[in-house]
Amino acid sequence: MSESTPDESDEGEGLRWNAWNLLLLVPFLMLVTPWFNTVEPRLFGMPFFYWSQFAWVPVGVICVAIVYLKTRDPNERVAPGTAAEVDELDEGSVR
């Protein structure tokens, strides 16, 4: 029984850590409702609490998009036209 070292070909398995992942914590700030639980300022007659929740939606999307773009592995790109055909996909234990 041999133990694997980080130098071996275990790359790609398990979780990968990157400092960009900390950006995913930003959307959780919307859950701290005491910061936003006020009526003023109103926007189109809507209390601050409600419109601020709507404002966090694009912020969360932008954060996730940035983390995705900064942490994706460029080696995992699939060239156009080389996608696996349905018949080539693993169907598990069906066969």
PDB file of N, CA and C in Angstrom:
ATOM      1  N   MET A   1       0.851  -1.176   0.000  1.00  0.00           N
ATOM      2  CA  MET A   1       0.000   0.000   0.000  1.00  0.00           C
ATOM      3  C   MET A   1       0.893   1.235   0.000  1.00  0.00           C
ATOM      4  N   SER A   2       0.745   2.049  -1.008  1.00  0.00           N
ATOM      5  CA  SER A   2       1.587   3.242  -1.088  1.00  0.00           C
ATOM      6  C   SER A   2       0.742   4.483  -0.824  1.00  0.00           C
ATOM      7  N   GLU A   3       1.357   5.415  -0.126  1.00  0.00           N
ATOM      8  CA  GLU A   3       0.674   6.669   0.145  1.00  0.00           C
ATOM      9  C   GLU A   3       0.973   7.643  -0.979  1.00  0.00           C
ATOM     10  N   SER A   4      -0.041   8.409  -1.376  1.00  0.00           N
ATOM     11  CA  SER A   4       0.174   9.357  -2.455  1.00  0.00           C
ATOM     12  C   SER A   4       0.734  10.655  -1.895  1.00  0.00           C
ATOM     13  N   THR A   5       1.584  11.259  -2.636  1.00  0.00           N
ATOM     14  CA  THR A   5       2.151  12.542  -2.255  1.00  0.00           C
ATOM     15  C   THR A   5       1.527  13.616  -3.120  1.00  0.00           C
ATOM     16  N   PRO A   6       1.624  14.859  -2.691  1.00  0.00           N
ATOM     17  CA  PRO A   6       1.048  15.937  -3.497  1.00  0.00           C
ATOM     18  C   PRO A   6       1.670  16.054  -4.888  1.00  0.00           C
ATOM     19  N   ASP A   7       2.871  15.492  -5.071  1.00  0.00           N
ATOM     20  CA  ASP A   7       3.532  15.584  -6.366  1.00  0.00           C
ATOM     21  C   ASP A   7       2.932  14.626  -7.389  1.00  0.00           C
ATOM     22  N   GLU A   8       2.236  13.607  -6.922  1.00  0.00           N
ATOM     23  CA  GLU A   8       1.698  12.608  -7.842  1.00  0.00           C
ATOM     24  C   GLU A   8       0.493  13.152  -8.589  1.00  0.00           C
ATOM     25  N   SER A   9      -0.098  12.342  -9.412  1.00  0.00           N
ATOM     26  CA  SER A   9      -1.170  12.798 -10.301  1.00  0.00           C
ATOM     27  C   SER A   9      -2.536  12.834  -9.619  1.00  0.00           C
ATOM     28  N   ASP A  10      -2.609  13.359  -8.415  1.00  0.00           N
ATOM     29  CA  ASP A  10      -3.890  13.523  -7.725  1.00  0.00           C
ATOM     30  C   ASP A  10      -4.513  14.876  -8.034  1.00  0.00           C
ATOM     31  N   GLU A  11      -3.880  15.603  -8.922  1.00  0.00           N
ATOM     32  CA  GLU A  11      -4.363  16.935  -9.240  1.00  0.00           C
ATOM     33  C   GLU A  11      -5.761  16.855  -9.841  1.00  0.00           C
ATOM     34  N   GLY A  12      -6.629  17.772  -9.430  1.00  0.00           N
ATOM     35  CA  GLY A  12      -7.981  17.784  -9.948  1.00  0.00           C
ATOM     36  C   GLY A  12      -8.965  17.074  -9.042  1.00  0.00           C
ATOM     37  N   GLU A  13      -8.501  16.363  -8.050  1.00  0.00           N
ATOM     38  CA  GLU A  13      -9.391  15.667  -7.135  1.00  0.00           C
ATOM     39  C   GLU A  13      -9.547  16.500  -5.871  1.00  0.00           C
ATOM     40  N   GLY A  14     -10.714  16.446  -5.277  1.00  0.00           N
ATOM     41  CA  GLY A  14     -10.949  17.149  -4.022  1.00  0.00           C
ATOM     42  C   GLY A  14     -11.242  18.623  -4.235  1.00  0.00           C
ATOM     43  N   LEU A  15     -11.230  19.352  -3.145  1.00  0.00           N
ATOM     44  CA  LEU A  15     -11.526  20.772  -3.188  1.00  0.00           C
ATOM     45  C   LEU A  15     -10.271  21.565  -3.496  1.00  0.00           C
ATOM     46  N   ARG A  16     -10.459  22.638  -4.232  1.00  0.00           N
ATOM     47  CA  ARG A  16      -9.351  23.541  -4.528  1.00  0.00           C
ATOM     48  C   ARG A  16      -9.606  24.844  -3.800  1.00  0.00           C
ATOM     49  N   TRP A  17      -8.588  25.359  -3.125  1.00  0.00           N
ATOM     50  CA  TRP A  17      -8.741  26.606  -2.385  1.00  0.00           C
ATOM     51  C   TRP A  17      -8.151  27.742  -3.200  1.00  0.00           C
ATOM     52  N   ASN A  18      -8.858  28.858  -3.178  1.00  0.00           N
ATOM     53  CA  ASN A  18      -8.385  30.050  -3.846  1.00  0.00           C
ATOM     54  C   ASN A  18      -8.908  31.247  -3.059  1.00  0.00           C
ATOM     55  N   ALA A  19      -8.114  32.290  -2.945  1.00  0.00           N
ATOM     56  CA  ALA A  19      -8.534  33.479  -2.190  1.00  0.00           C
ATOM     57  C   ALA A  19      -9.759  34.141  -2.813  1.00  0.00           C
ATOM     58  N   TRP A  20      -9.980  33.938  -4.105  1.00  0.00           N
ATOM     59  CA  TRP A  20     -11.160  34.505  -4.751  1.00  0.00           C
ATOM     60  C   TRP A  20     -12.448  33.938  -4.160  1.00  0.00           C
ATOM     61  N   ASN A  21     -12.380  32.752  -3.564  1.00  0.00           N
ATOM     62  CA  ASN A  21     -13.573  32.144  -2.977  1.00  0.00           C
ATOM     63  C   ASN A  21     -14.137  32.976  -1.830  1.00  0.00           C
ATOM     64  N   LEU A  22     -13.316  33.797  -1.213  1.00  0.00           N
ATOM     65  CA  LEU A  22     -13.796  34.656  -0.133  1.00  0.00           C
ATOM     66  C   LEU A  22     -14.834  35.656  -0.631  1.00  0.00           C
ATOM     67  N   LEU A  23     -14.793  35.964  -1.907  1.00  0.00           N
ATOM     68  CA  LEU A  23     -15.778  36.881  -2.481  1.00  0.00           C
ATOM     69  C   LEU A  23     -17.186  36.305  -2.403  1.00  0.00           C
ATOM     70  N   LEU A  24     -17.296  34.990  -2.269  1.00  0.00           N
ATOM     71  CA  LEU A  24     -18.614  34.363  -2.151  1.00  0.00           C
ATOM     72  C   LEU A  24     -19.282  34.672  -0.810  1.00  0.00           C
ATOM     73  N   LEU A  25     -18.547  35.213   0.130  1.00  0.00           N
ATOM     74  CA  LEU A  25     -19.130  35.589   1.421  1.00  0.00           C
ATOM     75  C   LEU A  25     -19.906  36.902   1.345  1.00  0.00           C
ATOM     76  N   VAL A  26     -19.625  37.721   0.349  1.00  0.00           N
ATOM     77  CA  VAL A  26     -20.276  39.029   0.232  1.00  0.00           C
ATOM     78  C   VAL A  26     -21.803  38.917   0.168  1.00  0.00           C
ATOM     79  N   PRO A  27     -22.390  38.009  -0.639  1.00  0.00           N
ATOM     80  CA  PRO A  27     -23.857  37.938  -0.669  1.00  0.00           C
ATOM     81  C   PRO A  27     -24.484  37.544   0.673  1.00  0.00           C
ATOM     82  N   PHE A  28     -23.729  36.933   1.551  1.00  0.00           N
ATOM     83  CA  PHE A  28     -24.278  36.575   2.855  1.00  0.00           C
ATOM     84  C   PHE A  28     -24.522  37.799   3.729  1.00  0.00           C
ATOM     85  N   LEU A  29     -23.962  38.938   3.370  1.00  0.00           N
ATOM     86  CA  LEU A  29     -24.202  40.162   4.130  1.00  0.00           C
ATOM     87  C   LEU A  29     -25.672  40.555   4.097  1.00  0.00           C
ATOM     88  N   MET A  30     -26.394  40.152   3.052  1.00  0.00           N
ATOM     89  CA  MET A  30     -27.815  40.494   2.972  1.00  0.00           C
ATOM     90  C   MET A  30     -28.624  39.785   4.053  1.00  0.00           C
ATOM     91  N   LEU A  31     -28.057  38.752   4.641  1.00  0.00           N
ATOM     92  CA  LEU A  31     -28.782  38.016   5.675  1.00  0.00           C
ATOM     93  C   LEU A  31     -28.738  38.699   7.031  1.00  0.00           C
ATOM     94  N   VAL A  32     -27.911  39.719   7.169  1.00  0.00           N
ATOM     95  CA  VAL A  32     -27.831  40.466   8.420  1.00  0.00           C
ATOM     96  C   VAL A  32     -28.933  41.522   8.372  1.00  0.00           C
ATOM     97  N   THR A  33     -30.152  41.082   8.622  1.00  0.00           N
ATOM     98  CA  THR A  33     -31.314  41.957   8.439  1.00  0.00           C
ATOM     99  C   THR A  33     -31.356  43.160   9.367  1.00  0.00           C
ATOM    100  N   PRO A  34     -30.792  43.138  10.577  1.00  0.00           N
ATOM    101  CA  PRO A  34     -30.846  44.369  11.371  1.00  0.00           C
ATOM    102  C   PRO A  34     -30.167  45.564  10.696  1.00  0.00           C
ATOM    103  N   TRP A  35     -29.221  45.326   9.811  1.00  0.00           N
ATOM    104  CA  TRP A  35     -28.581  46.421   9.090  1.00  0.00           C
ATOM    105  C   TRP A  35     -29.539  47.069   8.107  1.00  0.00           C
ATOM    106  N   PHE A  36     -30.512  46.324   7.626  1.00  0.00           N
ATOM    107  CA  PHE A  36     -31.382  46.799   6.552  1.00  0.00           C
ATOM    108  C   PHE A  36     -32.834  46.985   7.003  1.00  0.00           C
ATOM    109  N   ASN A  37     -33.142  46.734   8.244  1.00  0.00           N
ATOM    110  CA  ASN A  37     -34.515  46.757   8.724  1.00  0.00           C
ATOM    111  C   ASN A  37     -34.961  48.189   9.033  1.00  0.00           C
ATOM    112  N   THR A  38     -35.062  49.003   7.982  1.00  0.00           N
ATOM    113  CA  THR A  38     -35.547  50.372   8.121  1.00  0.00           C
ATOM    114  C   THR A  38     -36.519  50.669   6.988  1.00  0.00           C
ATOM    115  N   VAL A  39     -37.288  51.723   7.168  1.00  0.00           N
ATOM    116  CA  VAL A  39     -38.259  52.119   6.155  1.00  0.00           C
ATOM    117  C   VAL A  39     -37.636  53.134   5.194  1.00  0.00           C
ATOM    118  N   GLU A  40     -36.857  54.034   5.721  1.00  0.00           N
ATOM    119  CA  GLU A  40     -36.237  55.083   4.905  1.00  0.00           C
ATOM    120  C   GLU A  40     -34.823  54.690   4.539  1.00  0.00           C
ATOM    121  N   PRO A  41     -34.324  55.026   3.416  1.00  0.00           N
ATOM    122  CA  PRO A  41     -34.922  55.787   2.333  1.00  0.00           C
ATOM    123  C   PRO A  41     -35.814  54.910   1.460  1.00  0.00           C
ATOM    124  N   ARG A  42     -36.872  55.481   0.974  1.00  0.00           N
ATOM    125  CA  ARG A  42     -37.793  54.768   0.092  1.00  0.00           C
ATOM    126  C   ARG A  42     -37.355  54.943  -1.361  1.00  0.00           C
ATOM    127  N   LEU A  43     -37.667  53.939  -2.168  1.00  0.00           N
ATOM    128  CA  LEU A  43     -37.377  54.000  -3.596  1.00  0.00           C
ATOM    129  C   LEU A  43     -38.666  53.641  -4.318  1.00  0.00           C
ATOM    130  N   PHE A  44     -39.239  54.583  -5.033  1.00  0.00           N
ATOM    131  CA  PHE A  44     -40.535  54.404  -5.706  1.00  0.00           C
ATOM    132  C   PHE A  44     -41.606  53.949  -4.715  1.00  0.00           C
ATOM    133  N   GLY A  45     -41.555  54.456  -3.487  1.00  0.00           N
ATOM    134  CA  GLY A  45     -42.534  54.119  -2.460  1.00  0.00           C
ATOM    135  C   GLY A  45     -42.258  52.811  -1.733  1.00  0.00           C
ATOM    136  N   MET A  46     -41.211  52.100  -2.124  1.00  0.00           N
ATOM    137  CA  MET A  46     -40.890  50.815  -1.506  1.00  0.00           C
ATOM    138  C   MET A  46     -39.901  51.047  -0.360  1.00  0.00           C
ATOM    139  N   PRO A  47     -40.186  50.485   0.830  1.00  0.00           N
ATOM    140  CA  PRO A  47     -39.267  50.659   1.959  1.00  0.00           C
ATOM    141  C   PRO A  47     -37.871  50.115   1.656  1.00  0.00           C
ATOM    142  N   PHE A  48     -36.882  50.689   2.319  1.00  0.00           N
ATOM    143  CA  PHE A  48     -35.486  50.328   2.098  1.00  0.00           C
ATOM    144  C   PHE A  48     -35.249  48.827   2.261  1.00  0.00           C
ATOM    145  N   PHE A  49     -35.885  48.218   3.252  1.00  0.00           N
ATOM    146  CA  PHE A  49     -35.660  46.792   3.506  1.00  0.00           C
ATOM    147  C   PHE A  49     -35.929  45.953   2.260  1.00  0.00           C
ATOM    148  N   TYR A  50     -37.010  46.251   1.550  1.00  0.00           N
ATOM    149  CA  TYR A  50     -37.383  45.444   0.387  1.00  0.00           C
ATOM    150  C   TYR A  50     -36.514  45.733  -0.830  1.00  0.00           C
ATOM    151  N   TRP A  51     -36.308  47.016  -1.147  1.00  0.00           N
ATOM    152  CA  TRP A  51     -35.524  47.281  -2.347  1.00  0.00           C
ATOM    153  C   TRP A  51     -34.061  46.944  -2.147  1.00  0.00           C
ATOM    154  N   SER A  52     -33.577  46.958  -0.915  1.00  0.00           N
ATOM    155  CA  SER A  52     -32.179  46.565  -0.705  1.00  0.00           C
ATOM    156  C   SER A  52     -32.004  45.063  -0.933  1.00  0.00           C
ATOM    157  N   GLN A  53     -33.036  44.271  -0.609  1.00  0.00           N
ATOM    158  CA  GLN A  53     -32.963  42.835  -0.885  1.00  0.00           C
ATOM    159  C   GLN A  53     -32.886  42.582  -2.392  1.00  0.00           C
ATOM    160  N   PHE A  54     -33.671  43.336  -3.161  1.00  0.00           N
ATOM    161  CA  PHE A  54     -33.604  43.214  -4.620  1.00  0.00           C
ATOM    162  C   PHE A  54     -32.237  43.644  -5.147  1.00  0.00           C
ATOM    163  N   ALA A  55     -31.653  44.652  -4.530  1.00  0.00           N
ATOM    164  CA  ALA A  55     -30.351  45.152  -4.978  1.00  0.00           C
ATOM    165  C   ALA A  55     -29.246  44.133  -4.750  1.00  0.00           C
ATOM    166  N   TRP A  56     -29.410  43.262  -3.767  1.00  0.00           N
ATOM    167  CA  TRP A  56     -28.383  42.255  -3.480  1.00  0.00           C
ATOM    168  C   TRP A  56     -28.362  41.138  -4.524  1.00  0.00           C
ATOM    169  N   VAL A  57     -29.426  40.966  -5.274  1.00  0.00           N
ATOM    170  CA  VAL A  57     -29.465  39.887  -6.274  1.00  0.00           C
ATOM    171  C   VAL A  57     -28.378  40.074  -7.336  1.00  0.00           C
ATOM    172  N   PRO A  58     -28.284  41.233  -8.007  1.00  0.00           N
ATOM    173  CA  PRO A  58     -27.196  41.377  -8.979  1.00  0.00           C
ATOM    174  C   PRO A  58     -25.816  41.365  -8.329  1.00  0.00           C
ATOM    175  N   VAL A  59     -25.718  41.848  -7.092  1.00  0.00           N
ATOM    176  CA  VAL A  59     -24.428  41.808  -6.394  1.00  0.00           C
ATOM    177  C   VAL A  59     -23.979  40.355  -6.225  1.00  0.00           C
ATOM    178  N   GLY A  60     -24.908  39.484  -5.828  1.00  0.00           N
ATOM    179  CA  GLY A  60     -24.578  38.066  -5.674  1.00  0.00           C
ATOM    180  C   GLY A  60     -24.199  37.414  -6.987  1.00  0.00           C
ATOM    181  N   VAL A  61     -24.923  37.754  -8.045  1.00  0.00           N
ATOM    182  CA  VAL A  61     -24.628  37.185  -9.366  1.00  0.00           C
ATOM    183  C   VAL A  61     -23.243  37.627  -9.832  1.00  0.00           C
ATOM    184  N   ILE A  62     -22.923  38.882  -9.641  1.00  0.00           N
ATOM    185  CA  ILE A  62     -21.613  39.399 -10.046  1.00  0.00           C
ATOM    186  C   ILE A  62     -20.499  38.723  -9.247  1.00  0.00           C
ATOM    187  N   CYS A  63     -20.706  38.547  -7.944  1.00  0.00           N
ATOM    188  CA  CYS A  63     -19.696  37.885  -7.117  1.00  0.00           C
ATOM    189  C   CYS A  63     -19.450  36.453  -7.580  1.00  0.00           C
ATOM    190  N   VAL A  64     -20.508  35.716  -7.844  1.00  0.00           N
ATOM    191  CA  VAL A  64     -20.359  34.330  -8.303  1.00  0.00           C
ATOM    192  C   VAL A  64     -19.679  34.287  -9.668  1.00  0.00           C
ATOM    193  N   ALA A  65     -20.030  35.202 -10.563  1.00  0.00           N
ATOM    194  CA  ALA A  65     -19.416  35.232 -11.893  1.00  0.00           C
ATOM    195  C   ALA A  65     -17.925  35.530 -11.807  1.00  0.00           C
ATOM    196  N   ILE A  66     -17.547  36.482 -10.957  1.00  0.00           N
ATOM    197  CA  ILE A  66     -16.131  36.813 -10.804  1.00  0.00           C
ATOM    198  C   ILE A  66     -15.354  35.626 -10.261  1.00  0.00           C
ATOM    199  N   VAL A  67     -15.905  34.968  -9.231  1.00  0.00           N
ATOM    200  CA  VAL A  67     -15.214  33.813  -8.658  1.00  0.00           C
ATOM    201  C   VAL A  67     -15.091  32.709  -9.695  1.00  0.00           C
ATOM    202  N   TYR A  68     -16.127  32.486 -10.471  1.00  0.00           N
ATOM    203  CA  TYR A  68     -16.069  31.456 -11.506  1.00  0.00           C
ATOM    204  C   TYR A  68     -14.973  31.766 -12.521  1.00  0.00           C
ATOM    205  N   LEU A  69     -14.952  32.993 -13.011  1.00  0.00           N
ATOM    206  CA  LEU A  69     -13.973  33.357 -14.036  1.00  0.00           C
ATOM    207  C   LEU A  69     -12.541  33.319 -13.510  1.00  0.00           C
ATOM    208  N   LYS A  70     -12.341  33.695 -12.253  1.00  0.00           N
ATOM    209  CA  LYS A  70     -10.993  33.747 -11.694  1.00  0.00           C
ATOM    210  C   LYS A  70     -10.485  32.383 -11.225  1.00  0.00           C
ATOM    211  N   THR A  71     -11.376  31.443 -10.954  1.00  0.00           N
ATOM    212  CA  THR A  71     -10.932  30.164 -10.393  1.00  0.00           C
ATOM    213  C   THR A  71     -11.086  28.986 -11.340  1.00  0.00           C
ATOM    214  N   ARG A  72     -11.640  29.202 -12.519  1.00  0.00           N
ATOM    215  CA  ARG A  72     -11.806  28.071 -13.423  1.00  0.00           C
ATOM    216  C   ARG A  72     -10.447  27.610 -13.938  1.00  0.00           C
ATOM    217  N   ASP A  73     -10.368  26.350 -14.254  1.00  0.00           N
ATOM    218  CA  ASP A  73      -9.136  25.750 -14.732  1.00  0.00           C
ATOM    219  C   ASP A  73      -9.091  25.883 -16.246  1.00  0.00           C
ATOM    220  N   PRO A  74      -8.124  26.602 -16.786  1.00  0.00           N
ATOM    221  CA  PRO A  74      -8.079  26.777 -18.245  1.00  0.00           C
ATOM    222  C   PRO A  74      -7.838  25.465 -18.982  1.00  0.00           C
ATOM    223  N   ASN A  75      -7.340  24.452 -18.309  1.00  0.00           N
ATOM    224  CA  ASN A  75      -7.101  23.163 -18.941  1.00  0.00           C
ATOM    225  C   ASN A  75      -8.381  22.370 -19.139  1.00  0.00           C
ATOM    226  N   GLU A  76      -9.469  22.762 -18.483  1.00  0.00           N
ATOM    227  CA  GLU A  76     -10.735  22.037 -18.586  1.00  0.00           C
ATOM    228  C   GLU A  76     -11.602  22.536 -19.730  1.00  0.00           C
ATOM    229  N   ARG A  77     -11.117  23.451 -20.503  1.00  0.00           N
ATOM    230  CA  ARG A  77     -11.906  23.980 -21.611  1.00  0.00           C
ATOM    231  C   ARG A  77     -12.107  22.901 -22.662  1.00  0.00           C
ATOM    232  N   VAL A  78     -13.288  22.879 -23.207  1.00  0.00           N
ATOM    233  CA  VAL A  78     -13.618  21.925 -24.263  1.00  0.00           C
ATOM    234  C   VAL A  78     -13.677  22.700 -25.564  1.00  0.00           C
ATOM    235  N   ALA A  79     -12.968  22.211 -26.552  1.00  0.00           N
ATOM    236  CA  ALA A  79     -12.958  22.878 -27.851  1.00  0.00           C
ATOM    237  C   ALA A  79     -14.334  22.768 -28.488  1.00  0.00           C
ATOM    238  N   PRO A  80     -14.748  23.762 -29.253  1.00  0.00           N
ATOM    239  CA  PRO A  80     -16.058  23.708 -29.907  1.00  0.00           C
ATOM    240  C   PRO A  80     -16.156  22.494 -30.826  1.00  0.00           C
ATOM    241  N   GLY A  81     -17.293  21.842 -30.770  1.00  0.00           N
ATOM    242  CA  GLY A  81     -17.524  20.690 -31.620  1.00  0.00           C
ATOM    243  C   GLY A  81     -16.992  19.385 -31.067  1.00  0.00           C
ATOM    244  N   THR A  82     -16.388  19.415 -29.877  1.00  0.00           N
ATOM    245  CA  THR A  82     -15.847  18.178 -29.316  1.00  0.00           C
ATOM    246  C   THR A  82     -16.647  17.715 -28.102  1.00  0.00           C
ATOM    247  N   ALA A  83     -17.836  18.232 -27.932  1.00  0.00           N
ATOM    248  CA  ALA A  83     -18.659  17.825 -26.794  1.00  0.00           C
ATOM    249  C   ALA A  83     -19.037  16.353 -26.937  1.00  0.00           C
ATOM    250  N   ALA A  84     -19.173  15.670 -25.819  1.00  0.00           N
ATOM    251  CA  ALA A  84     -19.507  14.254 -25.840  1.00  0.00           C
ATOM    252  C   ALA A  84     -20.923  14.060 -26.385  1.00  0.00           C
ATOM    253  N   GLU A  85     -21.075  13.087 -27.214  1.00  0.00           N
ATOM    254  CA  GLU A  85     -22.390  12.749 -27.748  1.00  0.00           C
ATOM    255  C   GLU A  85     -23.190  12.044 -26.657  1.00  0.00           C
ATOM    256  N   VAL A  86     -24.492  12.049 -26.795  1.00  0.00           N
ATOM    257  CA  VAL A  86     -25.350  11.423 -25.804  1.00  0.00           C
ATOM    258  C   VAL A  86     -25.028   9.936 -25.680  1.00  0.00           C
ATOM    259  N   ASP A  87     -24.739   9.285 -26.784  1.00  0.00           N
ATOM    260  CA  ASP A  87     -24.441   7.859 -26.747  1.00  0.00           C
ATOM    261  C   ASP A  87     -23.112   7.567 -26.060  1.00  0.00           C
ATOM    262  N   GLU A  88     -22.212   8.552 -26.006  1.00  0.00           N
ATOM    263  CA  GLU A  88     -20.910   8.344 -25.395  1.00  0.00           C
ATOM    264  C   GLU A  88     -20.921   8.565 -23.892  1.00  0.00           C
ATOM    265  N   LEU A  89     -21.963   9.150 -23.363  1.00  0.00           N
ATOM    266  CA  LEU A  89     -22.032   9.443 -21.941  1.00  0.00           C
ATOM    267  C   LEU A  89     -22.235   8.176 -21.132  1.00  0.00           C
ATOM    268  N   ASP A  90     -21.669   8.164 -19.947  1.00  0.00           N
ATOM    269  CA  ASP A  90     -21.806   7.006 -19.060  1.00  0.00           C
ATOM    270  C   ASP A  90     -23.230   6.940 -18.521  1.00  0.00           C
ATOM    271  N   GLU A  91     -23.852   5.803 -18.667  1.00  0.00           N
ATOM    272  CA  GLU A  91     -25.221   5.628 -18.192  1.00  0.00           C
ATOM    273  C   GLU A  91     -25.259   4.882 -16.876  1.00  0.00           C
ATOM    274  N   GLY A  92     -24.148   4.709 -16.230  1.00  0.00           N
ATOM    275  CA  GLY A  92     -24.116   4.032 -14.950  1.00  0.00           C
ATOM    276  C   GLY A  92     -24.328   2.534 -15.089  1.00  0.00           C
ATOM    277  N   SER A  93     -25.135   1.976 -14.216  1.00  0.00           N
ATOM    278  CA  SER A  93     -25.339   0.525 -14.213  1.00  0.00           C
ATOM    279  C   SER A  93     -26.536   0.077 -15.073  1.00  0.00           C
ATOM    280  N   VAL A  94     -27.011   0.942 -15.951  1.00  0.00           N
ATOM    281  CA  VAL A  94     -28.164   0.617 -16.781  1.00  0.00           C
ATOM    282  C   VAL A  94     -27.819  -0.458 -17.785  1.00  0.00           C
ATOM    283  N   ARG A  95     -26.632  -0.407 -18.312  1.00  0.00           N
ATOM    284  CA  ARG A  95     -26.237  -1.388 -19.341  1.00  0.00           C
ATOM    285  C   ARG A  95     -25.885  -2.700 -18.759  1.00  0.00           C
TER     286      ARG A  95
END
